[in-house]
C-alpha atoms as a PDB file:
ATOM      1  CA  MET A   1     239.248  83.633 153.871  1.00  0.00           C
ATOM      2  CA  PRO A   2     237.720  83.542 150.306  1.00  0.00           C
ATOM      3  CA  SER A   3     235.057  86.315 150.404  1.00  0.00           C
ATOM      4  CA  ARG A   4     231.783  85.283 150.632  1.00  0.00           C
ATOM      5  CA  ARG A   5     230.278  87.853 148.222  1.00  0.00           C
ATOM      6  CA  ARG A   6     227.963  86.743 145.815  1.00  0.00           C
ATOM      7  CA  LEU A   7     228.835  86.029 141.964  1.00  0.00           C
ATOM      8  CA  ARG A   8     227.151  87.538 138.949  1.00  0.00           C
ATOM      9  CA  VAL A   9     228.852  85.317 136.248  1.00  0.00           C
ATOM     10  CA  LYS A  10     228.918  85.231 132.640  1.00  0.00           C
ATOM     11  CA  LEU A  11     229.909  82.293 130.578  1.00  0.00           C
ATOM     12  CA  ILE A  12     230.509  82.918 126.542  1.00  0.00           C
ATOM     13  CA  LEU A  13     231.005  80.397 123.731  1.00  0.00           C
ATOM     14  CA  PRO A  14     231.326  82.621 120.898  1.00  0.00           C
ATOM     15  CA  ALA A  15     230.715  82.169 117.152  1.00  0.00           C
ATOM     16  CA  LEU A  16     232.816  80.489 115.227  1.00  0.00           C
ATOM     17  CA  THR A  17     233.771  82.722 112.210  1.00  0.00           C
ATOM     18  CA  GLU A  18     232.968  79.561 109.775  1.00  0.00           C
ATOM     19  CA  ALA A  19     229.412  79.687 111.553  1.00  0.00           C
ATOM     20  CA  THR A  20     228.948  83.469 110.815  1.00  0.00           C
ATOM     21  CA  SER A  21     228.831  82.588 106.953  1.00  0.00           C
ATOM     22  CA  PRO A  22     225.484  82.774 104.794  1.00  0.00           C
ATOM     23  CA  TYR A  23     226.456  79.654 103.488  1.00  0.00           C
ATOM     24  CA  ARG A  24     226.771  77.531 106.970  1.00  0.00           C
ATOM     25  CA  ARG A  25     224.452  74.790 107.950  1.00  0.00           C
ATOM     26  CA  PRO A  26     222.845  75.667 111.116  1.00  0.00           C
ATOM     27  CA  ILE A  27     222.451  72.485 112.289  1.00  0.00           C
ATOM     28  CA  LYS A  28     226.257  71.656 112.125  1.00  0.00           C
ATOM     29  CA  TYR A  29     226.355  74.470 115.089  1.00  0.00           C
ATOM     30  CA  SER A  30     223.954  73.342 116.989  1.00  0.00           C
ATOM     31  CA  LEU A  31     225.004  69.710 117.897  1.00  0.00           C
ATOM     32  CA  PHE A  32     226.377  69.266 121.379  1.00  0.00           C
ATOM     33  CA  PRO A  33     225.912  72.019 124.404  1.00  0.00           C
ATOM     34  CA  PRO A  34     229.195  73.272 125.961  1.00  0.00           C
ATOM     35  CA  LEU A  35     230.079  71.071 128.225  1.00  0.00           C
ATOM     36  CA  GLY A  36     233.236  72.597 129.092  1.00  0.00           C
ATOM     37  CA  LEU A  37     231.566  75.661 130.210  1.00  0.00           C
ATOM     38  CA  ALA A  38     228.756  74.109 131.974  1.00  0.00           C
ATOM     39  CA  THR A  39     231.423  71.848 133.731  1.00  0.00           C
ATOM     40  CA  LEU A  40     233.510  75.097 134.927  1.00  0.00           C
ATOM     41  CA  ALA A  41     229.996  76.647 136.197  1.00  0.00           C
ATOM     42  CA  ALA A  42     230.039  73.422 138.381  1.00  0.00           C
ATOM     43  CA  TYR A  43     232.465  75.182 140.950  1.00  0.00           C
ATOM     44  CA  LEU A  44     230.250  78.174 141.513  1.00  0.00           C
ATOM     45  CA  ARG A  45     228.573  78.361 145.085  1.00  0.00           C
ATOM     46  CA  PRO A  46     224.852  77.849 144.871  1.00  0.00           C
ATOM     47  CA  ASP A  47     224.022  81.158 145.645  1.00  0.00           C
ATOM     48  CA  ASP A  48     226.136  82.537 142.724  1.00  0.00           C
ATOM     49  CA  GLU A  49     224.223  83.908 139.620  1.00  0.00           C
ATOM     50  CA  ALA A  50     224.905  82.007 136.294  1.00  0.00           C
ATOM     51  CA  VAL A  51     224.399  82.480 132.746  1.00  0.00           C
ATOM     52  CA  LEU A  52     225.735  80.341 129.764  1.00  0.00           C
ATOM     53  CA  ILE A  53     225.672  81.869 126.782  1.00  0.00           C
ATOM     54  CA  ASP A  54     226.178  79.932 123.008  1.00  0.00           C
ATOM     55  CA  GLU A  55     226.139  82.378 120.141  1.00  0.00           C
ATOM     56  CA  HIS A  56     225.800  79.538 117.950  1.00  0.00           C
ATOM     57  CA  VAL A  57     222.179  78.937 119.763  1.00  0.00           C
ATOM     58  CA  ALA A  58     221.336  82.117 121.094  1.00  0.00           C
ATOM     59  CA  PRO A  59     221.755  86.389 120.936  1.00  0.00           C
ATOM     60  CA  LEU A  60     224.173  87.718 123.070  1.00  0.00           C
ATOM     61  CA  ASP A  61     223.674  90.501 125.388  1.00  0.00           C
ATOM     62  CA  THR A  62     226.572  92.738 126.269  1.00  0.00           C
ATOM     63  CA  GLY A  63     224.624  95.145 127.809  1.00  0.00           C
ATOM     64  CA  ASP A  64     225.085  93.893 131.104  1.00  0.00           C
ATOM     65  CA  ARG A  65     228.109  94.094 133.941  1.00  0.00           C
ATOM     66  CA  PRO A  66     228.812  91.144 135.713  1.00  0.00           C
ATOM     67  CA  ASP A  67     231.334  90.109 137.856  1.00  0.00           C
ATOM     68  CA  LEU A  68     233.185  88.038 136.080  1.00  0.00           C
ATOM     69  CA  VAL A  69     232.937  87.127 132.326  1.00  0.00           C
ATOM     70  CA  ALA A  70     234.614  83.503 131.028  1.00  0.00           C
ATOM     71  CA  ILE A  71     235.035  82.738 127.575  1.00  0.00           C
ATOM     72  CA  GLN A  72     236.164  79.660 125.333  1.00  0.00           C
ATOM     73  CA  VAL A  73     238.194  80.373 122.957  1.00  0.00           C
ATOM     74  CA  TYR A  74     238.974  78.054 119.578  1.00  0.00           C
ATOM     75  CA  ILE A  75     241.130  79.841 116.506  1.00  0.00           C
ATOM     76  CA  THR A  76     238.428  80.575 114.386  1.00  0.00           C
ATOM     77  CA  SER A  77     236.238  82.396 117.372  1.00  0.00           C
ATOM     78  CA  ALA A  78     239.063  84.118 118.766  1.00  0.00           C
ATOM     79  CA  ARG A  79     238.783  87.538 116.997  1.00  0.00           C
ATOM     80  CA  ARG A  80     235.425  87.594 118.508  1.00  0.00           C
ATOM     81  CA  ALA A  81     236.280  86.560 121.775  1.00  0.00           C
ATOM     82  CA  TYR A  82     238.995  88.804 121.879  1.00  0.00           C
ATOM     83  CA  ALA A  83     236.455  91.592 120.651  1.00  0.00           C
ATOM     84  CA  LEU A  84     234.087  90.519 123.293  1.00  0.00           C
ATOM     85  CA  ALA A  85     236.814  90.573 126.151  1.00  0.00           C
ATOM     86  CA  ASP A  86     237.770  93.857 125.083  1.00  0.00           C
ATOM     87  CA  GLN A  87     234.461  95.370 125.451  1.00  0.00           C
ATOM     88  CA  TYR A  88     233.222  93.888 128.514  1.00  0.00           C
ATOM     89  CA  ARG A  89     236.800  94.986 130.170  1.00  0.00           C
ATOM     90  CA  ALA A  90     236.461  98.559 128.615  1.00  0.00           C
ATOM     91  CA  LYS A  91     233.452  98.471 131.279  1.00  0.00           C
ATOM     92  CA  GLY A  92     235.505  97.500 134.026  1.00  0.00           C
ATOM     93  CA  VAL A  93     234.515  93.482 134.079  1.00  0.00           C
ATOM     94  CA  PHE A  94     237.028  91.286 134.807  1.00  0.00           C
ATOM     95  CA  VAL A  95     237.303  88.820 131.941  1.00  0.00           C
ATOM     96  CA  ALA A  96     238.756  84.802 132.146  1.00  0.00           C
ATOM     97  CA  LEU A  97     239.867  83.539 128.485  1.00  0.00           C
ATOM     98  CA  GLY A  98     240.587  79.333 128.362  1.00  0.00           C
ATOM     99  CA  GLY A  99     240.422  77.181 125.627  1.00  0.00           C
ATOM    100  CA  LEU A 100     242.470  75.285 122.991  1.00  0.00           C
ATOM    101  CA  HIS A 101     243.364  78.912 121.327  1.00  0.00           C
ATOM    102  CA  VAL A 102     244.655  80.336 124.964  1.00  0.00           C
ATOM    103  CA  THR A 103     246.416  77.231 125.798  1.00  0.00           C
ATOM    104  CA  ALA A 104     248.352  77.626 121.984  1.00  0.00           C
ATOM    105  CA  LEU A 105     248.970  81.142 122.366  1.00  0.00           C
ATOM    106  CA  PRO A 106     248.098  82.452 125.947  1.00  0.00           C
ATOM    107  CA  ASP A 107     250.847  85.519 125.476  1.00  0.00           C
ATOM    108  CA  GLU A 108     248.188  86.636 122.493  1.00  0.00           C
ATOM    109  CA  ALA A 109     245.031  86.057 124.641  1.00  0.00           C
ATOM    110  CA  ALA A 110     246.618  87.722 127.740  1.00  0.00           C
ATOM    111  CA  GLN A 111     246.493  91.067 125.689  1.00  0.00           C
ATOM    112  CA  HIS A 112     242.273  90.947 125.737  1.00  0.00           C
ATOM    113  CA  ALA A 113     242.185  89.227 129.354  1.00  0.00           C
ATOM    114  CA  ASP A 114     242.481  89.516 132.914  1.00  0.00           C
ATOM    115  CA  ALA A 115     243.468  86.166 133.700  1.00  0.00           C
ATOM    116  CA  VAL A 116     244.027  83.083 130.980  1.00  0.00           C
ATOM    117  CA  PHE A 117     244.028  79.402 131.047  1.00  0.00           C
ATOM    118  CA  LEU A 118     246.170  76.692 129.593  1.00  0.00           C
ATOM    119  CA  GLY A 119     245.348  73.285 129.559  1.00  0.00           C
ATOM    120  CA  PRO A 120     241.699  71.720 131.288  1.00  0.00           C
ATOM    121  CA  GLY A 121     240.156  73.972 134.015  1.00  0.00           C
ATOM    122  CA  GLU A 122     239.151  70.955 136.466  1.00  0.00           C
ATOM    123  CA  GLN A 123     241.896  72.010 138.913  1.00  0.00           C
ATOM    124  CA  THR A 124     242.339  75.674 137.941  1.00  0.00           C
ATOM    125  CA  PHE A 125     239.448  77.023 137.968  1.00  0.00           C
ATOM    126  CA  PRO A 126     237.943  76.307 141.394  1.00  0.00           C
ATOM    127  CA  ARG A 127     241.358  78.171 142.660  1.00  0.00           C
ATOM    128  CA  PHE A 128     240.947  80.729 140.460  1.00  0.00           C
ATOM    129  CA  LEU A 129     237.684  81.156 142.472  1.00  0.00           C
ATOM    130  CA  ASP A 130     239.166  81.259 145.474  1.00  0.00           C
ATOM    131  CA  ASP A 131     241.718  83.981 144.621  1.00  0.00           C
ATOM    132  CA  PHE A 132     239.051  85.886 142.633  1.00  0.00           C
ATOM    133  CA  ARG A 133     236.874  86.003 145.543  1.00  0.00           C
ATOM    134  CA  ALA A 134     239.875  87.061 147.712  1.00  0.00           C
ATOM    135  CA  GLY A 135     240.337  90.030 145.207  1.00  0.00           C
ATOM    136  CA  GLN A 136     243.741  88.264 144.627  1.00  0.00           C
ATOM    137  CA  PRO A 137     243.602  86.573 141.213  1.00  0.00           C
ATOM    138  CA  LEU A 138     246.670  85.572 139.067  1.00  0.00           C
ATOM    139  CA  ARG A 139     246.977  87.049 135.517  1.00  0.00           C
ATOM    140  CA  ARG A 140     247.710  83.241 134.269  1.00  0.00           C
ATOM    141  CA  TYR A 141     246.530  79.389 135.516  1.00  0.00           C
ATOM    142  CA  ALA A 142     248.356  76.274 133.902  1.00  0.00           C
ATOM    143  CA  SER A 143     247.016  72.657 134.667  1.00  0.00           C
ATOM    144  CA  THR A 144     249.490  70.640 135.611  1.00  0.00           C
ATOM    145  CA  SER A 145     249.838  68.444 138.399  1.00  0.00           C
ATOM    146  CA  GLY A 146     247.019  66.928 140.338  1.00  0.00           C
ATOM    147  CA  ARG A 147     244.810  66.371 137.293  1.00  0.00           C
ATOM    148  CA  THR A 148     241.653  64.059 137.956  1.00  0.00           C
ATOM    149  CA  LEU A 149     238.193  63.437 137.628  1.00  0.00           C
ATOM    150  CA  GLU A 150     237.092  62.069 140.863  1.00  0.00           C
ATOM    151  CA  ARG A 151     234.370  64.182 142.465  1.00  0.00           C
ATOM    152  CA  LEU A 152     233.663  66.295 140.467  1.00  0.00           C
ATOM    153  CA  PRO A 153     230.680  68.512 141.202  1.00  0.00           C
ATOM    154  CA  PRO A 154     227.586  67.576 138.831  1.00  0.00           C
ATOM    155  CA  ILE A 155     227.497  69.648 135.418  1.00  0.00           C
ATOM    156  CA  ARG A 156     225.429  72.494 135.595  1.00  0.00           C
ATOM    157  CA  ARG A 157     222.810  71.301 132.710  1.00  0.00           C
ATOM    158  CA  ASP A 158     220.524  73.741 134.024  1.00  0.00           C
ATOM    159  CA  LEU A 159     222.389  76.510 132.272  1.00  0.00           C
ATOM    160  CA  ILE A 160     222.357  74.834 128.840  1.00  0.00           C
ATOM    161  CA  ARG A 161     218.900  75.418 126.597  1.00  0.00           C
ATOM    162  CA  ARG A 162     218.568  71.800 125.438  1.00  0.00           C
ATOM    163  CA  ARG A 163     215.567  72.544 122.844  1.00  0.00           C
ATOM    164  CA  SER A 164     218.722  74.309 120.780  1.00  0.00           C
ATOM    165  CA  TYR A 165     220.998  70.904 120.533  1.00  0.00           C
ATOM    166  CA  LEU A 166     220.385  68.342 118.677  1.00  0.00           C
ATOM    167  CA  VAL A 167     222.026  65.988 120.706  1.00  0.00           C
ATOM    168  CA  PRO A 168     221.140  67.681 124.226  1.00  0.00           C
ATOM    169  CA  ASN A 169     222.509  64.457 125.961  1.00  0.00           C
ATOM    170  CA  SER A 170     225.808  64.804 124.955  1.00  0.00           C
ATOM    171  CA  ILE A 171     228.541  63.688 127.978  1.00  0.00           C
ATOM    172  CA  VAL A 172     232.395  63.119 128.495  1.00  0.00           C
ATOM    173  CA  VAL A 173     233.572  60.397 131.003  1.00  0.00           C
ATOM    174  CA  THR A 174     237.485  61.092 130.315  1.00  0.00           C
ATOM    175  CA  ARG A 175     240.046  63.168 129.345  1.00  0.00           C
ATOM    176  CA  GLY A 176     242.014  63.241 126.309  1.00  0.00           C
ATOM    177  CA  CYS A 177     243.537  60.080 124.481  1.00  0.00           C
ATOM    178  CA  PRO A 178     246.606  57.437 125.420  1.00  0.00           C
ATOM    179  CA  GLN A 179     247.558  57.580 121.479  1.00  0.00           C
ATOM    180  CA  HIS A 180     249.970  60.304 120.291  1.00  0.00           C
ATOM    181  CA  CYS A 181     249.070  61.486 116.981  1.00  0.00           C
ATOM    182  CA  ASP A 182     250.921  64.270 115.547  1.00  0.00           C
ATOM    183  CA  PHE A 183     248.222  65.967 113.983  1.00  0.00           C
ATOM    184  CA  CYS A 184     245.950  66.150 117.123  1.00  0.00           C
ATOM    185  CA  TYR A 185     245.248  68.463 119.539  1.00  0.00           C
ATOM    186  CA  LYS A 186     245.624  66.240 122.494  1.00  0.00           C
ATOM    187  CA  ASP A 187     249.318  66.742 123.705  1.00  0.00           C
ATOM    188  CA  ALA A 188     249.486  70.541 123.322  1.00  0.00           C
ATOM    189  CA  PHE A 189     246.626  70.902 125.434  1.00  0.00           C
ATOM    190  CA  PHE A 190     247.285  68.642 127.990  1.00  0.00           C
ATOM    191  CA  GLU A 191     251.139  69.188 127.999  1.00  0.00           C
ATOM    192  CA  GLY A 192     252.702  69.458 131.646  1.00  0.00           C
ATOM    193  CA  GLY A 193     250.617  66.691 133.372  1.00  0.00           C
ATOM    194  CA  ARG A 194     248.592  63.795 132.627  1.00  0.00           C
ATOM    195  CA  SER A 195     247.475  63.349 129.146  1.00  0.00           C
ATOM    196  CA  PHE A 196     244.997  60.774 129.465  1.00  0.00           C
ATOM    197  CA  TYR A 197     242.506  60.188 132.702  1.00  0.00           C
ATOM    198  CA  THR A 198     238.922  58.754 133.377  1.00  0.00           C
ATOM    199  CA  GLN A 199     236.250  59.469 136.002  1.00  0.00           C
ATOM    200  CA  ARG A 200     234.907  56.943 138.363  1.00  0.00           C
ATOM    201  CA  VAL A 201     232.699  54.491 137.312  1.00  0.00           C
ATOM    202  CA  ASP A 202     230.268  55.110 139.910  1.00  0.00           C
ATOM    203  CA  GLU A 203     230.392  58.339 138.919  1.00  0.00           C
ATOM    204  CA  ALA A 204     230.447  58.350 135.577  1.00  0.00           C
ATOM    205  CA  LEU A 205     227.217  56.268 135.664  1.00  0.00           C
ATOM    206  CA  ALA A 206     225.432  58.806 138.102  1.00  0.00           C
ATOM    207  CA  GLU A 207     226.130  61.883 135.540  1.00  0.00           C
ATOM    208  CA  ILE A 208     224.236  59.327 132.864  1.00  0.00           C
ATOM    209  CA  ASP A 209     221.515  58.465 135.154  1.00  0.00           C
ATOM    210  CA  ARG A 210     220.784  61.981 135.478  1.00  0.00           C
ATOM    211  CA  LEU A 211     220.319  62.474 131.629  1.00  0.00           C
ATOM    212  CA  PRO A 212     216.683  62.531 130.557  1.00  0.00           C
ATOM    213  CA  GLY A 213     215.708  60.706 127.541  1.00  0.00           C
ATOM    214  CA  ARG A 214     217.263  57.420 126.129  1.00  0.00           C
ATOM    215  CA  HIS A 215     220.151  58.528 123.054  1.00  0.00           C
ATOM    216  CA  LEU A 216     223.463  59.633 124.615  1.00  0.00           C
ATOM    217  CA  TYR A 217     226.165  60.573 123.047  1.00  0.00           C
ATOM    218  CA  PHE A 218     230.039  60.593 124.382  1.00  0.00           C
ATOM    219  CA  LEU A 219     232.047  63.170 122.858  1.00  0.00           C
ATOM    220  CA  ASP A 220     235.322  61.439 124.602  1.00  0.00           C
ATOM    221  CA  ASP A 221     238.404  61.213 122.057  1.00  0.00           C
ATOM    222  CA  HIS A 222     238.388  57.567 122.761  1.00  0.00           C
ATOM    223  CA  LEU A 223     236.057  56.078 124.826  1.00  0.00           C
ATOM    224  CA  PHE A 224     238.128  52.751 124.701  1.00  0.00           C
ATOM    225  CA  GLY A 225     241.094  54.269 125.805  1.00  0.00           C
ATOM    226  CA  ASP A 226     240.938  52.371 129.128  1.00  0.00           C
ATOM    227  CA  PRO A 227     239.957  48.825 128.646  1.00  0.00           C
ATOM    228  CA  ARG A 228     239.011  48.135 132.002  1.00  0.00           C
ATOM    229  CA  PHE A 229     237.216  51.475 132.694  1.00  0.00           C
ATOM    230  CA  ALA A 230     235.115  50.902 129.383  1.00  0.00           C
ATOM    231  CA  ALA A 231     234.226  48.005 130.648  1.00  0.00           C
ATOM    232  CA  ALA A 232     233.439  48.526 133.989  1.00  0.00           C
ATOM    233  CA  LEU A 233     231.156  51.627 132.863  1.00  0.00           C
ATOM    234  CA  PHE A 234     229.540  49.589 130.091  1.00  0.00           C
ATOM    235  CA  ASN A 235     228.765  46.663 132.529  1.00  0.00           C
ATOM    236  CA  GLY A 236     227.070  49.049 134.918  1.00  0.00           C
ATOM    237  CA  MET A 237     225.099  50.373 131.700  1.00  0.00           C
ATOM    238  CA  ARG A 238     223.383  47.666 131.120  1.00  0.00           C
ATOM    239  CA  GLY A 239     219.900  47.622 131.599  1.00  0.00           C
ATOM    240  CA  MET A 240     219.848  51.104 132.006  1.00  0.00           C
ATOM    241  CA  GLY A 241     218.123  51.180 128.670  1.00  0.00           C
ATOM    242  CA  ARG A 242     220.122  53.528 126.634  1.00  0.00           C
ATOM    243  CA  LEU A 243     221.540  53.978 123.381  1.00  0.00           C
ATOM    244  CA  PHE A 244     224.688  55.885 122.621  1.00  0.00           C
ATOM    245  CA  GLN A 245     227.175  56.592 120.010  1.00  0.00           C
ATOM    246  CA  GLY A 246     231.153  57.115 120.563  1.00  0.00           C
ATOM    247  CA  ALA A 247     234.722  57.238 119.058  1.00  0.00           C
ATOM    248  CA  ALA A 248     237.098  54.859 119.311  1.00  0.00           C
ATOM    249  CA  THR A 249     240.151  53.531 117.806  1.00  0.00           C
ATOM    250  CA  VAL A 250     241.118  50.504 115.216  1.00  0.00           C
ATOM    251  CA  ASP A 251     243.334  49.196 117.733  1.00  0.00           C
ATOM    252  CA  SER A 252     240.902  48.650 120.516  1.00  0.00           C
ATOM    253  CA  ILE A 253     237.731  47.490 118.095  1.00  0.00           C
ATOM    254  CA  LEU A 254     240.132  44.325 117.398  1.00  0.00           C
ATOM    255  CA  ARG A 255     241.032  43.822 121.197  1.00  0.00           C
ATOM    256  CA  GLY A 256     239.306  42.166 123.933  1.00  0.00           C
ATOM    257  CA  ASP A 257     235.116  42.234 124.261  1.00  0.00           C
ATOM    258  CA  VAL A 258     235.279  46.008 125.016  1.00  0.00           C
ATOM    259  CA  LEU A 259     233.179  46.135 121.675  1.00  0.00           C
ATOM    260  CA  GLU A 260     230.685  43.540 122.620  1.00  0.00           C
ATOM    261  CA  ARG A 261     230.461  44.808 126.013  1.00  0.00           C
ATOM    262  CA  ALA A 262     229.346  48.200 124.511  1.00  0.00           C
ATOM    263  CA  ALA A 263     226.844  46.970 122.105  1.00  0.00           C
ATOM    264  CA  THR A 264     225.300  45.259 125.394  1.00  0.00           C
ATOM    265  CA  ALA A 265     225.004  48.026 126.928  1.00  0.00           C
ATOM    266  CA  GLY A 266     223.390  49.878 123.955  1.00  0.00           C
ATOM    267  CA  LEU A 267     226.080  51.402 121.784  1.00  0.00           C
ATOM    268  CA  ARG A 268     224.616  51.910 118.471  1.00  0.00           C
ATOM    269  CA  SER A 269     227.347  53.674 116.414  1.00  0.00           C
ATOM    270  CA  LEU A 270     231.046  53.814 116.894  1.00  0.00           C
ATOM    271  CA  PHE A 271     233.167  57.046 114.934  1.00  0.00           C
ATOM    272  CA  VAL A 272     236.892  55.384 113.891  1.00  0.00           C
ATOM    273  CA  GLY A 273     240.011  57.080 112.406  1.00  0.00           C
ATOM    274  CA  PHE A 274     241.238  54.639 109.666  1.00  0.00           C
ATOM    275  CA  GLU A 275     243.144  58.093 108.591  1.00  0.00           C
ATOM    276  CA  THR A 276     245.200  56.311 105.408  1.00  0.00           C
ATOM    277  CA  LEU A 277     246.145  53.080 104.016  1.00  0.00           C
ATOM    278  CA  THR A 278     249.558  53.778 103.598  1.00  0.00           C
ATOM    279  CA  PRO A 279     251.532  52.762 106.474  1.00  0.00           C
ATOM    280  CA  GLY A 280     254.298  55.342 105.626  1.00  0.00           C
ATOM    281  CA  ASN A 281     252.146  58.402 106.023  1.00  0.00           C
ATOM    282  CA  LEU A 282     250.552  56.328 109.309  1.00  0.00           C
ATOM    283  CA  ALA A 283     253.881  56.187 111.018  1.00  0.00           C
ATOM    284  CA  GLN A 284     255.078  60.318 109.798  1.00  0.00           C
ATOM    285  CA  SER A 285     251.734  61.537 111.386  1.00  0.00           C
ATOM    286  CA  ASN A 286     252.468  58.758 114.804  1.00  0.00           C
ATOM    287  CA  LYS A 287     249.879  57.171 114.185  1.00  0.00           C
ATOM    288  CA  ARG A 288     251.620  53.415 115.171  1.00  0.00           C
ATOM    289  CA  GLN A 289     248.363  52.178 116.705  1.00  0.00           C
ATOM    290  CA  ASN A 290     247.268  51.841 113.089  1.00  0.00           C
ATOM    291  CA  LEU A 291     250.375  49.914 111.824  1.00  0.00           C
ATOM    292  CA  GLY A 292     250.090  46.266 111.165  1.00  0.00           C
ATOM    293  CA  ARG A 293     246.412  46.262 111.490  1.00  0.00           C
ATOM    294  CA  ASP A 294     243.808  44.408 109.327  1.00  0.00           C
ATOM    295  CA  TYR A 295     241.187  47.198 108.360  1.00  0.00           C
ATOM    296  CA  ALA A 296     239.145  44.499 106.605  1.00  0.00           C
ATOM    297  CA  ALA A 297     239.034  42.834 110.171  1.00  0.00           C
ATOM    298  CA  VAL A 298     237.861  46.246 111.940  1.00  0.00           C
ATOM    299  CA  ALA A 299     234.800  46.275 109.531  1.00  0.00           C
ATOM    300  CA  LYS A 300     234.110  42.866 109.472  1.00  0.00           C
ATOM    301  CA  ARG A 301     233.907  42.992 113.370  1.00  0.00           C
ATOM    302  CA  LEU A 302     231.462  45.846 113.665  1.00  0.00           C
ATOM    303  CA  ARG A 303     229.129  44.016 111.766  1.00  0.00           C
ATOM    304  CA  PRO A 304     228.543  41.066 113.485  1.00  0.00           C
ATOM    305  CA  ARG A 305     224.562  39.985 114.633  1.00  0.00           C
ATOM    306  CA  TYR A 306     223.617  42.163 117.237  1.00  0.00           C
ATOM    307  CA  HIS A 307     220.645  41.908 119.186  1.00  0.00           C
ATOM    308  CA  ASP A 308     217.416  42.540 117.087  1.00  0.00           C
ATOM    309  CA  GLN A 309     219.624  42.321 114.398  1.00  0.00           C
ATOM    310  CA  ARG A 310     221.038  45.983 114.372  1.00  0.00           C
ATOM    311  CA  GLN A 311     224.141  47.292 112.667  1.00  0.00           C
ATOM    312  CA  LEU A 312     226.928  49.391 114.069  1.00  0.00           C
ATOM    313  CA  ARG A 313     227.571  52.111 111.696  1.00  0.00           C
ATOM    314  CA  LEU A 314     231.005  52.420 110.900  1.00  0.00           C
ATOM    315  CA  ARG A 315     232.224  56.179 110.005  1.00  0.00           C
ATOM    316  CA  HIS A 316     235.642  57.534 109.118  1.00  0.00           C
ATOM    317  CA  GLY A 317     236.882  60.210 110.763  1.00  0.00           C
ATOM    318  CA  ARG A 318     239.885  61.487 112.983  1.00  0.00           C
ATOM    319  CA  ARG A 319     239.880  59.302 116.500  1.00  0.00           C
END
């Protein structure tokens, strides 16, 4: 039986190395809040004490001694993350490390942690919390079977300093992507289980409804990745008065009427990956969803006459 002991938990997003450069653009590193950590914090009990620190927007005080420190690690924040982990562990604090870099190099990360997490954390982190309260945490938690976004607790947005971010109303309603481009992180991060799955539509709409203001930014790798889910989501968003941005692929723009449904629901900007005009390069990088596609037709479809003569802006990038 897990202990009912109240936990003091600190969740940290260390600053990327490039964010500490004197030539950095501060606005670039304060676009979106750390939703991953805020999602994990939702699995804490109501009486637990939680603090979330993003070093890109706030100073980090390491003079405390919480029961648990959870750190999200990217490749260019790894040195900083390991230094923080070592500092807290030297004081007897239990340190958990997760994220893209930890999933890629778990043995390296394990040298600086009491527990490491591989892959997405929706299933592993609540299991770890039960183990931790019981005094029997494992050294490694790997996400494999049973991945789902159903019945997730509401993201702990109360831990986020909204005024510190340019786009505080960011949201993710899916995980992963149905494509398998060689240059993408996705297949390695989601190895061992489903690599693309969605929330229930009603739960996604409830999360949207909880967000204040009018503007949203969907951070999903491929918002149109499941056409049925996307169509139902956008149908549900009609009448909510939202304006939003997202990302999709070339083939999804040319297929069906999801784009029109999105525009009617408030889509105003779409991030689309062209990558290259050379078929051989597309095949080499396994971006086969772009092969044989008419890029001119994509651009034309993104410039029709929508309500109030608004136009979608096409941005080149990797999606």
